[in-house]
Amino acid sequence: MGEDVTRIDIGICTFRRPELEETLRSLFALDMPANVAISLIVADNDASPSARGLVDGLREISPFPIRYVHCPKSNISIARNACLSECSADYLAFIDDDETAGPEWLVALIDKARKTGADAVLGPVRAVYDEKSAAWMRHGDFHSTMPVWVNGTIKTGYTCNVLLDMRSPHVEARRFALSLGQSGGEDTHFFTQLTESGGRIEFAPDALLLEPVPAKRASFGWLAKRRFRSGQTHGRIVAARKPGMARIKATVMASLKLGYCAALTGALAAFPVKRNRYALRAALHAGSVMGTLGMREIRQYGVAEAA
């Protein structure tokens, strides 16, 4: 392989998801960026190698090499770290096992990485609702994923749509926290450490992925649980950085934000989208309070809902 060829691995962590086949087939149809060689890594987080047969069956129609890695412990960080360890390329992209990519997805990510020299590039994930989903949920688009900018910069990220520069000193030796591998939040922790060490995250708006919202996720309860867990992770990170009085101040601030959002939830009772948006913010801040106080994160991975 010539020195001018850029190598990209695409990591897909999976746990008992039949949607994995549609994800892989969408990757088979990717447009090839100029001077790029692609290979796929499937990291199976199930106790038994349940995805091996599907992967083996698709190899003969795949335009790219596929490596299957069995990570037989239900901890998503182990699967993510397996992708990092298996990667021998210049870049590693992550896509979830229930998402689909358009042909231009990888082109948009690598173009942004080449133009900016960023250590990581995020893309958007657009939720796809069915007609049975609540109107407030569809109109408010509560499941889509976008970066959060703080003073014009992205401070943290996610693994459902990202390209990592594996040659970066801020990426090459970094791993996902095993302690967060069953609660979630391991991606927030990973990317927060990346930026705090001096790494830079950019955004490629055209690198779009689609994610159907199944019935088990199309509820306020599921959204509230997810926001609460995100708040716990944020609170835990804050607590680790701010001991003593600074930690107490962070807890008080999160409590005040919780009260403010709870009050607005009541005041906006007649407006479902705004009401639920503030209610979910209240759940986030409640989790942040618990995180600063050292409460252990709720478990999300390692069960049927995992990955």
C-alpha atoms as a PDB file:
ATOM      1  CA  MET A   1       0.000   0.000   0.000  1.00  0.00           C
ATOM      2  CA  GLY A   2       1.451   3.382  -1.009  1.00  0.00           C
ATOM      3  CA  GLU A   3       2.442   5.925   1.585  1.00  0.00           C
ATOM      4  CA  ASP A   4      -0.056   8.435   0.175  1.00  0.00           C
ATOM      5  CA  VAL A   5      -3.040   6.201   1.002  1.00  0.00           C
ATOM      6  CA  THR A   6      -5.005   7.108   4.125  1.00  0.00           C
ATOM      7  CA  ARG A   7      -6.282   4.100   6.052  1.00  0.00           C
ATOM      8  CA  ILE A   8      -9.600   4.298   7.919  1.00  0.00           C
ATOM      9  CA  ASP A   9     -11.101   1.623  10.163  1.00  0.00           C
ATOM     10  CA  ILE A  10     -14.802   1.799  11.052  1.00  0.00           C
ATOM     11  CA  GLY A  11     -15.721   0.344  14.444  1.00  0.00           C
ATOM     12  CA  ILE A  12     -19.190  -1.036  15.188  1.00  0.00           C
ATOM     13  CA  CYS A  13     -19.843  -2.205  18.741  1.00  0.00           C
ATOM     14  CA  THR A  14     -22.812  -4.564  18.912  1.00  0.00           C
ATOM     15  CA  PHE A  15     -24.937  -6.372  21.484  1.00  0.00           C
ATOM     16  CA  ARG A  16     -27.750  -8.640  20.216  1.00  0.00           C
ATOM     17  CA  ARG A  17     -28.971  -6.205  17.596  1.00  0.00           C
ATOM     18  CA  PRO A  18     -30.403  -7.602  14.341  1.00  0.00           C
ATOM     19  CA  GLU A  19     -30.228  -4.025  12.992  1.00  0.00           C
ATOM     20  CA  LEU A  20     -26.484  -4.590  12.675  1.00  0.00           C
ATOM     21  CA  GLU A  21     -27.069  -6.064   9.210  1.00  0.00           C
ATOM     22  CA  GLU A  22     -28.662  -2.858   7.925  1.00  0.00           C
ATOM     23  CA  THR A  23     -25.823  -0.834   9.454  1.00  0.00           C
ATOM     24  CA  LEU A  24     -23.197  -2.943   7.695  1.00  0.00           C
ATOM     25  CA  ARG A  25     -25.030  -2.889   4.368  1.00  0.00           C
ATOM     26  CA  SER A  26     -25.153   0.912   4.508  1.00  0.00           C
ATOM     27  CA  LEU A  27     -21.397   0.957   5.010  1.00  0.00           C
ATOM     28  CA  PHE A  28     -20.902  -1.314   2.000  1.00  0.00           C
ATOM     29  CA  ALA A  29     -22.437   1.470  -0.135  1.00  0.00           C
ATOM     30  CA  LEU A  30     -20.132   4.248   1.096  1.00  0.00           C
ATOM     31  CA  ASP A  31     -18.545   6.592  -1.408  1.00  0.00           C
ATOM     32  CA  MET A  32     -14.796   6.055  -1.332  1.00  0.00           C
ATOM     33  CA  PRO A  33     -12.861   9.206  -0.407  1.00  0.00           C
ATOM     34  CA  ALA A  34      -9.840   9.848  -2.619  1.00  0.00           C
ATOM     35  CA  ASN A  35      -6.758   7.814  -1.702  1.00  0.00           C
ATOM     36  CA  VAL A  36      -8.478   6.044   1.192  1.00  0.00           C
ATOM     37  CA  ALA A  37      -8.508   2.348   2.177  1.00  0.00           C
ATOM     38  CA  ILE A  38     -11.368   1.216   4.440  1.00  0.00           C
ATOM     39  CA  SER A  39     -11.810  -1.785   6.710  1.00  0.00           C
ATOM     40  CA  LEU A  40     -14.495  -2.653   9.273  1.00  0.00           C
ATOM     41  CA  ILE A  41     -14.196  -3.850  12.884  1.00  0.00           C
ATOM     42  CA  VAL A  42     -17.219  -5.481  14.538  1.00  0.00           C
ATOM     43  CA  ALA A  43     -16.819  -5.785  18.330  1.00  0.00           C
ATOM     44  CA  ASP A  44     -19.422  -8.191  19.728  1.00  0.00           C
ATOM     45  CA  ASN A  45     -20.130  -7.453  23.415  1.00  0.00           C
ATOM     46  CA  ASP A  46     -22.417 -10.451  23.972  1.00  0.00           C
ATOM     47  CA  ALA A  47     -21.401 -13.329  26.274  1.00  0.00           C
ATOM     48  CA  SER A  48     -21.742 -15.694  23.299  1.00  0.00           C
ATOM     49  CA  PRO A  49     -20.488 -14.748  19.812  1.00  0.00           C
ATOM     50  CA  SER A  50     -24.046 -14.096  18.638  1.00  0.00           C
ATOM     51  CA  ALA A  51     -23.106 -11.696  15.818  1.00  0.00           C
ATOM     52  CA  ARG A  52     -20.425 -13.915  14.269  1.00  0.00           C
ATOM     53  CA  GLY A  53     -22.767 -15.727  11.889  1.00  0.00           C
ATOM     54  CA  LEU A  54     -24.222 -12.492  10.553  1.00  0.00           C
ATOM     55  CA  VAL A  55     -20.774 -10.979  10.014  1.00  0.00           C
ATOM     56  CA  ASP A  56     -19.434 -14.122   8.350  1.00  0.00           C
ATOM     57  CA  GLY A  57     -22.450 -14.247   6.055  1.00  0.00           C
ATOM     58  CA  LEU A  58     -21.933 -10.659   4.885  1.00  0.00           C
ATOM     59  CA  ARG A  59     -18.186 -10.956   4.267  1.00  0.00           C
ATOM     60  CA  GLU A  60     -18.602 -12.298   0.755  1.00  0.00           C
ATOM     61  CA  ILE A  61     -20.587  -9.235  -0.360  1.00  0.00           C
ATOM     62  CA  SER A  62     -18.559  -6.667   1.559  1.00  0.00           C
ATOM     63  CA  PRO A  63     -16.279  -4.409  -0.514  1.00  0.00           C
ATOM     64  CA  PHE A  64     -14.120  -3.968   2.607  1.00  0.00           C
ATOM     65  CA  PRO A  65     -12.285  -6.386   4.902  1.00  0.00           C
ATOM     66  CA  ILE A  66     -14.219  -7.132   8.115  1.00  0.00           C
ATOM     67  CA  ARG A  67     -12.580  -8.107  11.390  1.00  0.00           C
ATOM     68  CA  TYR A  68     -14.805  -9.731  14.007  1.00  0.00           C
ATOM     69  CA  VAL A  69     -13.757  -9.370  17.656  1.00  0.00           C
ATOM     70  CA  HIS A  70     -15.580 -11.179  20.439  1.00  0.00           C
ATOM     71  CA  CYS A  71     -15.579  -9.179  23.705  1.00  0.00           C
ATOM     72  CA  PRO A  72     -17.581 -11.566  25.933  1.00  0.00           C
ATOM     73  CA  LYS A  73     -18.353  -9.259  28.832  1.00  0.00           C
ATOM     74  CA  SER A  74     -21.350  -6.941  28.727  1.00  0.00           C
ATOM     75  CA  ASN A  75     -19.412  -3.718  29.171  1.00  0.00           C
ATOM     76  CA  ILE A  76     -19.522  -1.277  26.263  1.00  0.00           C
ATOM     77  CA  SER A  77     -16.143   0.222  27.180  1.00  0.00           C
ATOM     78  CA  ILE A  78     -14.507  -3.154  26.581  1.00  0.00           C
ATOM     79  CA  ALA A  79     -15.990  -3.275  23.082  1.00  0.00           C
ATOM     80  CA  ARG A  80     -14.968   0.311  22.307  1.00  0.00           C
ATOM     81  CA  ASN A  81     -11.465  -0.347  23.600  1.00  0.00           C
ATOM     82  CA  ALA A  82     -11.279  -3.490  21.462  1.00  0.00           C
ATOM     83  CA  CYS A  83     -11.898  -1.313  18.395  1.00  0.00           C
ATOM     84  CA  LEU A  84      -9.136   1.057  19.505  1.00  0.00           C
ATOM     85  CA  SER A  85      -6.734  -1.845  20.045  1.00  0.00           C
ATOM     86  CA  GLU A  86      -7.632  -3.568  16.774  1.00  0.00           C
ATOM     87  CA  CYS A  87      -7.267  -0.372  14.775  1.00  0.00           C
ATOM     88  CA  SER A  88      -4.053  -0.172  12.780  1.00  0.00           C
ATOM     89  CA  ALA A  89      -5.228   2.690  10.575  1.00  0.00           C
ATOM     90  CA  ASP A  90      -4.668   6.432  10.520  1.00  0.00           C
ATOM     91  CA  TYR A  91      -8.267   7.086  11.553  1.00  0.00           C
ATOM     92  CA  LEU A  92     -10.970   5.186  13.424  1.00  0.00           C
ATOM     93  CA  ALA A  93     -14.639   6.040  12.909  1.00  0.00           C
ATOM     94  CA  PHE A  94     -17.423   4.831  15.197  1.00  0.00           C
ATOM     95  CA  ILE A  95     -21.017   4.155  14.175  1.00  0.00           C
ATOM     96  CA  ASP A  96     -23.694   2.514  16.358  1.00  0.00           C
ATOM     97  CA  ASP A  97     -25.190  -0.838  15.411  1.00  0.00           C
ATOM     98  CA  ASP A  98     -28.679   0.608  14.886  1.00  0.00           C
ATOM     99  CA  GLU A  99     -27.651   3.514  12.648  1.00  0.00           C
ATOM    100  CA  THR A 100     -27.326   3.772   8.881  1.00  0.00           C
ATOM    101  CA  ALA A 101     -24.912   5.889   6.881  1.00  0.00           C
ATOM    102  CA  GLY A 102     -25.519   7.708   3.644  1.00  0.00           C
ATOM    103  CA  PRO A 103     -22.925   7.274   0.875  1.00  0.00           C
ATOM    104  CA  GLU A 104     -21.253  10.622   1.659  1.00  0.00           C
ATOM    105  CA  TRP A 105     -20.890  10.063   5.450  1.00  0.00           C
ATOM    106  CA  LEU A 106     -17.216   9.123   5.586  1.00  0.00           C
ATOM    107  CA  VAL A 107     -16.231  11.622   2.876  1.00  0.00           C
ATOM    108  CA  ALA A 108     -17.640  14.457   4.999  1.00  0.00           C
ATOM    109  CA  LEU A 109     -15.819  13.281   8.141  1.00  0.00           C
ATOM    110  CA  ILE A 110     -12.426  12.829   6.507  1.00  0.00           C
ATOM    111  CA  ASP A 111     -12.692  16.110   4.562  1.00  0.00           C
ATOM    112  CA  LYS A 112     -13.268  18.010   7.818  1.00  0.00           C
ATOM    113  CA  ALA A 113     -10.408  16.161   9.518  1.00  0.00           C
ATOM    114  CA  ARG A 114      -8.018  16.941   6.675  1.00  0.00           C
ATOM    115  CA  LYS A 115      -9.008  20.618   6.494  1.00  0.00           C
ATOM    116  CA  THR A 116      -8.895  21.313  10.231  1.00  0.00           C
ATOM    117  CA  GLY A 117      -6.317  18.882  11.603  1.00  0.00           C
ATOM    118  CA  ALA A 118      -8.751  18.110  14.441  1.00  0.00           C
ATOM    119  CA  ASP A 119      -8.101  15.224  16.818  1.00  0.00           C
ATOM    120  CA  ALA A 120     -11.753  14.173  16.517  1.00  0.00           C
ATOM    121  CA  VAL A 121     -14.607  15.075  14.165  1.00  0.00           C
ATOM    122  CA  LEU A 122     -18.256  14.633  15.142  1.00  0.00           C
ATOM    123  CA  GLY A 123     -21.222  14.266  12.814  1.00  0.00           C
ATOM    124  CA  PRO A 124     -24.960  14.626  13.497  1.00  0.00           C
ATOM    125  CA  VAL A 125     -27.325  11.731  14.156  1.00  0.00           C
ATOM    126  CA  ARG A 126     -30.914  12.346  13.071  1.00  0.00           C
ATOM    127  CA  ALA A 127     -33.651  10.424  14.845  1.00  0.00           C
ATOM    128  CA  VAL A 128     -36.267   8.759  12.638  1.00  0.00           C
ATOM    129  CA  TYR A 129     -39.679   8.516  14.341  1.00  0.00           C
ATOM    130  CA  ASP A 130     -42.615   6.386  13.280  1.00  0.00           C
ATOM    131  CA  GLU A 131     -46.213   7.587  13.246  1.00  0.00           C
ATOM    132  CA  LYS A 132     -46.900   5.977  16.645  1.00  0.00           C
ATOM    133  CA  SER A 133     -44.446   8.269  18.445  1.00  0.00           C
ATOM    134  CA  ALA A 134     -45.958  11.059  20.524  1.00  0.00           C
ATOM    135  CA  ALA A 135     -46.453  14.339  18.664  1.00  0.00           C
ATOM    136  CA  TRP A 136     -44.441  16.318  21.244  1.00  0.00           C
ATOM    137  CA  MET A 137     -41.532  13.942  20.785  1.00  0.00           C
ATOM    138  CA  ARG A 138     -41.509  14.212  16.998  1.00  0.00           C
ATOM    139  CA  HIS A 139     -41.959  17.991  16.983  1.00  0.00           C
ATOM    140  CA  GLY A 140     -39.265  18.521  19.625  1.00  0.00           C
ATOM    141  CA  ASP A 141     -36.884  15.959  18.050  1.00  0.00           C
ATOM    142  CA  PHE A 142     -35.708  14.741  21.455  1.00  0.00           C
ATOM    143  CA  HIS A 143     -33.632  11.778  20.231  1.00  0.00           C
ATOM    144  CA  SER A 144     -31.320  13.366  17.650  1.00  0.00           C
ATOM    145  CA  THR A 145     -27.676  13.904  18.599  1.00  0.00           C
ATOM    146  CA  MET A 146     -25.645  17.063  18.018  1.00  0.00           C
ATOM    147  CA  PRO A 147     -22.530  18.509  19.653  1.00  0.00           C
ATOM    148  CA  VAL A 148     -22.797  21.094  22.415  1.00  0.00           C
ATOM    149  CA  TRP A 149     -20.715  24.237  21.946  1.00  0.00           C
ATOM    150  CA  VAL A 150     -19.372  26.123  24.973  1.00  0.00           C
ATOM    151  CA  ASN A 151     -18.037  29.579  24.110  1.00  0.00           C
ATOM    152  CA  GLY A 152     -17.645  28.516  20.495  1.00  0.00           C
ATOM    153  CA  THR A 153     -15.779  25.255  21.139  1.00  0.00           C
ATOM    154  CA  ILE A 154     -16.818  21.619  21.561  1.00  0.00           C
ATOM    155  CA  LYS A 155     -15.715  20.388  24.984  1.00  0.00           C
ATOM    156  CA  THR A 156     -16.881  16.796  24.795  1.00  0.00           C
ATOM    157  CA  GLY A 157     -18.322  14.328  22.307  1.00  0.00           C
ATOM    158  CA  TYR A 158     -20.011  11.011  21.591  1.00  0.00           C
ATOM    159  CA  THR A 159     -19.234   7.736  19.834  1.00  0.00           C
ATOM    160  CA  CYS A 160     -22.400   7.333  17.763  1.00  0.00           C
ATOM    161  CA  ASN A 161     -20.843   9.384  14.922  1.00  0.00           C
ATOM    162  CA  VAL A 162     -17.191  10.312  15.221  1.00  0.00           C
ATOM    163  CA  LEU A 163     -13.835  10.076  13.453  1.00  0.00           C
ATOM    164  CA  LEU A 164     -10.704   9.828  15.622  1.00  0.00           C
ATOM    165  CA  ASP A 165      -7.201  10.660  14.422  1.00  0.00           C
ATOM    166  CA  MET A 166      -5.298   7.671  15.789  1.00  0.00           C
ATOM    167  CA  ARG A 167      -1.962   9.423  15.217  1.00  0.00           C
ATOM    168  CA  SER A 168      -2.881  12.227  17.625  1.00  0.00           C
ATOM    169  CA  PRO A 169      -1.058  12.225  20.989  1.00  0.00           C
ATOM    170  CA  HIS A 170      -4.419  13.102  22.558  1.00  0.00           C
ATOM    171  CA  VAL A 171      -6.005   9.920  21.156  1.00  0.00           C
ATOM    172  CA  GLU A 172      -3.399   7.204  20.592  1.00  0.00           C
ATOM    173  CA  ALA A 173      -3.047   5.959  24.196  1.00  0.00           C
ATOM    174  CA  ARG A 174      -6.491   6.937  25.459  1.00  0.00           C
ATOM    175  CA  ARG A 175      -9.078   4.326  26.433  1.00  0.00           C
ATOM    176  CA  PHE A 176     -12.709   4.281  27.556  1.00  0.00           C
ATOM    177  CA  ALA A 177     -13.275   3.964  31.307  1.00  0.00           C
ATOM    178  CA  LEU A 178     -14.284   0.422  32.261  1.00  0.00           C
ATOM    179  CA  SER A 179     -16.039   1.777  35.361  1.00  0.00           C
ATOM    180  CA  LEU A 180     -18.564   3.533  33.093  1.00  0.00           C
ATOM    181  CA  GLY A 181     -19.026   0.646  30.685  1.00  0.00           C
ATOM    182  CA  GLN A 182     -22.377  -0.514  32.084  1.00  0.00           C
ATOM    183  CA  SER A 183     -23.814   2.855  33.079  1.00  0.00           C
ATOM    184  CA  GLY A 184     -22.941   4.849  29.972  1.00  0.00           C
ATOM    185  CA  GLY A 185     -21.118   8.152  29.956  1.00  0.00           C
ATOM    186  CA  GLU A 186     -17.863   6.530  28.920  1.00  0.00           C
ATOM    187  CA  ASP A 187     -17.858   8.590  25.726  1.00  0.00           C
ATOM    188  CA  THR A 188     -18.422  11.876  27.591  1.00  0.00           C
ATOM    189  CA  HIS A 189     -15.554  10.984  29.920  1.00  0.00           C
ATOM    190  CA  PHE A 190     -13.282  10.002  26.992  1.00  0.00           C
ATOM    191  CA  PHE A 191     -13.833  13.178  24.982  1.00  0.00           C
ATOM    192  CA  THR A 192     -13.731  15.477  28.011  1.00  0.00           C
ATOM    193  CA  GLN A 193     -10.297  14.112  28.836  1.00  0.00           C
ATOM    194  CA  LEU A 194      -9.277  14.530  25.192  1.00  0.00           C
ATOM    195  CA  THR A 195     -10.109  18.250  25.138  1.00  0.00           C
ATOM    196  CA  GLU A 196      -8.751  18.886  28.635  1.00  0.00           C
ATOM    197  CA  SER A 197      -5.413  17.463  27.502  1.00  0.00           C
ATOM    198  CA  GLY A 198      -5.324  19.972  24.620  1.00  0.00           C
ATOM    199  CA  GLY A 199      -7.132  18.001  21.911  1.00  0.00           C
ATOM    200  CA  ARG A 200      -9.593  19.645  19.542  1.00  0.00           C
ATOM    201  CA  ILE A 201     -13.000  18.467  18.330  1.00  0.00           C
ATOM    202  CA  GLU A 202     -14.618  19.769  15.129  1.00  0.00           C
ATOM    203  CA  PHE A 203     -18.049  19.203  13.592  1.00  0.00           C
ATOM    204  CA  ALA A 204     -18.937  17.988  10.091  1.00  0.00           C
ATOM    205  CA  PRO A 205     -22.635  18.870   9.554  1.00  0.00           C
ATOM    206  CA  ASP A 206     -22.876  16.849   6.318  1.00  0.00           C
ATOM    207  CA  ALA A 207     -21.634  13.617   7.943  1.00  0.00           C
ATOM    208  CA  LEU A 208     -25.181  12.535   8.725  1.00  0.00           C
ATOM    209  CA  LEU A 209     -26.291   9.237  10.231  1.00  0.00           C
ATOM    210  CA  LEU A 210     -29.901   8.073  10.665  1.00  0.00           C
ATOM    211  CA  GLU A 211     -31.178   6.265  13.756  1.00  0.00           C
ATOM    212  CA  PRO A 212     -34.703   4.800  13.981  1.00  0.00           C
ATOM    213  CA  VAL A 213     -36.362   5.300  17.373  1.00  0.00           C
ATOM    214  CA  PRO A 214     -37.853   1.966  18.519  1.00  0.00           C
ATOM    215  CA  ALA A 215     -40.977   1.850  20.675  1.00  0.00           C
ATOM    216  CA  LYS A 216     -39.020   0.996  23.839  1.00  0.00           C
ATOM    217  CA  ARG A 217     -37.136   4.291  23.527  1.00  0.00           C
ATOM    218  CA  ALA A 218     -40.051   6.445  22.409  1.00  0.00           C
ATOM    219  CA  SER A 219     -41.140   7.446  25.905  1.00  0.00           C
ATOM    220  CA  PHE A 220     -40.568  10.260  28.344  1.00  0.00           C
ATOM    221  CA  GLY A 221     -39.326   7.742  30.917  1.00  0.00           C
ATOM    222  CA  TRP A 222     -36.540   6.480  28.666  1.00  0.00           C
ATOM    223  CA  LEU A 223     -35.467  10.026  27.828  1.00  0.00           C
ATOM    224  CA  ALA A 224     -35.524  11.072  31.493  1.00  0.00           C
ATOM    225  CA  LYS A 225     -33.416   8.085  32.527  1.00  0.00           C
ATOM    226  CA  ARG A 226     -30.867   8.883  29.819  1.00  0.00           C
ATOM    227  CA  ARG A 227     -30.687  12.579  30.770  1.00  0.00           C
ATOM    228  CA  PHE A 228     -30.336  11.670  34.452  1.00  0.00           C
ATOM    229  CA  ARG A 229     -27.433   9.335  33.653  1.00  0.00           C
ATOM    230  CA  SER A 230     -25.769  12.021  31.514  1.00  0.00           C
ATOM    231  CA  GLY A 231     -26.065  14.399  34.450  1.00  0.00           C
ATOM    232  CA  GLN A 232     -24.508  11.830  36.751  1.00  0.00           C
ATOM    233  CA  THR A 233     -21.500  11.506  34.467  1.00  0.00           C
ATOM    234  CA  HIS A 234     -21.107  15.278  34.236  1.00  0.00           C
ATOM    235  CA  GLY A 235     -21.386  15.597  38.021  1.00  0.00           C
ATOM    236  CA  ARG A 236     -18.828  12.866  38.531  1.00  0.00           C
ATOM    237  CA  ILE A 237     -16.365  14.621  36.204  1.00  0.00           C
ATOM    238  CA  VAL A 238     -16.939  17.945  37.992  1.00  0.00           C
ATOM    239  CA  ALA A 239     -16.470  16.316  41.398  1.00  0.00           C
ATOM    240  CA  ALA A 240     -13.159  14.792  40.317  1.00  0.00           C
ATOM    241  CA  ARG A 241     -11.898  18.220  39.214  1.00  0.00           C
ATOM    242  CA  LYS A 242     -13.273  20.268  42.095  1.00  0.00           C
ATOM    243  CA  PRO A 243     -12.614  18.976  45.621  1.00  0.00           C
ATOM    244  CA  GLY A 244     -13.760  20.605  48.831  1.00  0.00           C
ATOM    245  CA  MET A 245     -15.726  23.853  48.683  1.00  0.00           C
ATOM    246  CA  ALA A 246     -15.587  24.000  44.883  1.00  0.00           C
ATOM    247  CA  ARG A 247     -17.419  20.678  44.783  1.00  0.00           C
ATOM    248  CA  ILE A 248     -20.054  21.944  47.229  1.00  0.00           C
ATOM    249  CA  LYS A 249     -20.566  25.053  45.083  1.00  0.00           C
ATOM    250  CA  ALA A 250     -21.027  22.840  41.999  1.00  0.00           C
ATOM    251  CA  THR A 251     -23.661  20.804  43.853  1.00  0.00           C
ATOM    252  CA  VAL A 252     -25.501  23.961  44.925  1.00  0.00           C
ATOM    253  CA  MET A 253     -25.413  25.380  41.391  1.00  0.00           C
ATOM    254  CA  ALA A 254     -26.801  22.144  39.936  1.00  0.00           C
ATOM    255  CA  SER A 255     -29.523  22.175  42.602  1.00  0.00           C
ATOM    256  CA  LEU A 256     -30.509  25.728  41.679  1.00  0.00           C
ATOM    257  CA  LYS A 257     -30.692  24.782  38.000  1.00  0.00           C
ATOM    258  CA  LEU A 258     -32.818  21.767  38.949  1.00  0.00           C
ATOM    259  CA  GLY A 259     -35.256  24.016  40.831  1.00  0.00           C
ATOM    260  CA  TYR A 260     -35.419  26.520  37.967  1.00  0.00           C
ATOM    261  CA  CYS A 261     -36.165  23.834  35.373  1.00  0.00           C
ATOM    262  CA  ALA A 262     -38.734  22.162  37.640  1.00  0.00           C
ATOM    263  CA  ALA A 263     -40.525  25.490  38.092  1.00  0.00           C
ATOM    264  CA  LEU A 264     -40.621  26.115  34.346  1.00  0.00           C
ATOM    265  CA  THR A 265     -41.891  22.580  33.784  1.00  0.00           C
ATOM    266  CA  GLY A 266     -44.934  23.442  35.855  1.00  0.00           C
ATOM    267  CA  ALA A 267     -45.382  26.883  34.309  1.00  0.00           C
ATOM    268  CA  LEU A 268     -45.325  25.442  30.796  1.00  0.00           C
ATOM    269  CA  ALA A 269     -47.735  22.591  31.474  1.00  0.00           C
ATOM    270  CA  ALA A 270     -49.944  23.609  28.531  1.00  0.00           C
ATOM    271  CA  PHE A 271     -47.055  23.460  26.037  1.00  0.00           C
ATOM    272  CA  PRO A 272     -45.915  19.818  25.758  1.00  0.00           C
ATOM    273  CA  VAL A 273     -42.674  20.358  23.804  1.00  0.00           C
ATOM    274  CA  LYS A 274     -41.377  23.160  26.044  1.00  0.00           C
ATOM    275  CA  ARG A 275     -42.688  21.481  29.199  1.00  0.00           C
ATOM    276  CA  ASN A 276     -40.954  18.202  28.495  1.00  0.00           C
ATOM    277  CA  ARG A 277     -37.764  19.919  27.367  1.00  0.00           C
ATOM    278  CA  TYR A 278     -37.474  21.638  30.745  1.00  0.00           C
ATOM    279  CA  ALA A 279     -38.528  18.476  32.570  1.00  0.00           C
ATOM    280  CA  LEU A 280     -35.690  16.607  30.871  1.00  0.00           C
ATOM    281  CA  ARG A 281     -33.280  19.399  31.769  1.00  0.00           C
ATOM    282  CA  ALA A 282     -34.451  18.990  35.344  1.00  0.00           C
ATOM    283  CA  ALA A 283     -33.616  15.272  35.122  1.00  0.00           C
ATOM    284  CA  LEU A 284     -30.165  16.188  33.783  1.00  0.00           C
ATOM    285  CA  HIS A 285     -29.482  18.565  36.675  1.00  0.00           C
ATOM    286  CA  ALA A 286     -30.860  16.057  39.185  1.00  0.00           C
ATOM    287  CA  GLY A 287     -28.340  13.557  37.875  1.00  0.00           C
ATOM    288  CA  SER A 288     -25.609  16.186  38.119  1.00  0.00           C
ATOM    289  CA  VAL A 289     -26.447  16.758  41.786  1.00  0.00           C
ATOM    290  CA  MET A 290     -26.256  13.035  42.441  1.00  0.00           C
ATOM    291  CA  GLY A 291     -22.999  12.785  40.504  1.00  0.00           C
ATOM    292  CA  THR A 292     -21.295  15.511  42.516  1.00  0.00           C
ATOM    293  CA  LEU A 293     -22.412  13.707  45.676  1.00  0.00           C
ATOM    294  CA  GLY A 294     -20.789  10.481  44.492  1.00  0.00           C
ATOM    295  CA  MET A 295     -23.881   8.447  43.632  1.00  0.00           C
ATOM    296  CA  ARG A 296     -23.043   5.502  41.409  1.00  0.00           C
ATOM    297  CA  GLU A 297     -24.365   5.721  37.829  1.00  0.00           C
ATOM    298  CA  ILE A 298     -27.445   3.699  36.936  1.00  0.00           C
ATOM    299  CA  ARG A 299     -26.784   0.646  34.760  1.00  0.00           C
ATOM    300  CA  GLN A 300     -27.719   0.911  31.065  1.00  0.00           C
ATOM    301  CA  TYR A 301     -25.424  -1.564  29.281  1.00  0.00           C
ATOM    302  CA  GLY A 302     -25.114  -5.285  29.592  1.00  0.00           C
ATOM    303  CA  VAL A 303     -28.862  -5.832  29.246  1.00  0.00           C
ATOM    304  CA  ALA A 304     -31.115  -6.140  26.215  1.00  0.00           C
ATOM    305  CA  GLU A 305     -31.218  -2.352  25.849  1.00  0.00           C
ATOM    306  CA  ALA A 306     -27.431  -2.177  25.685  1.00  0.00           C
ATOM    307  CA  ALA A 307     -25.050  -0.705  23.125  1.00  0.00           C
END
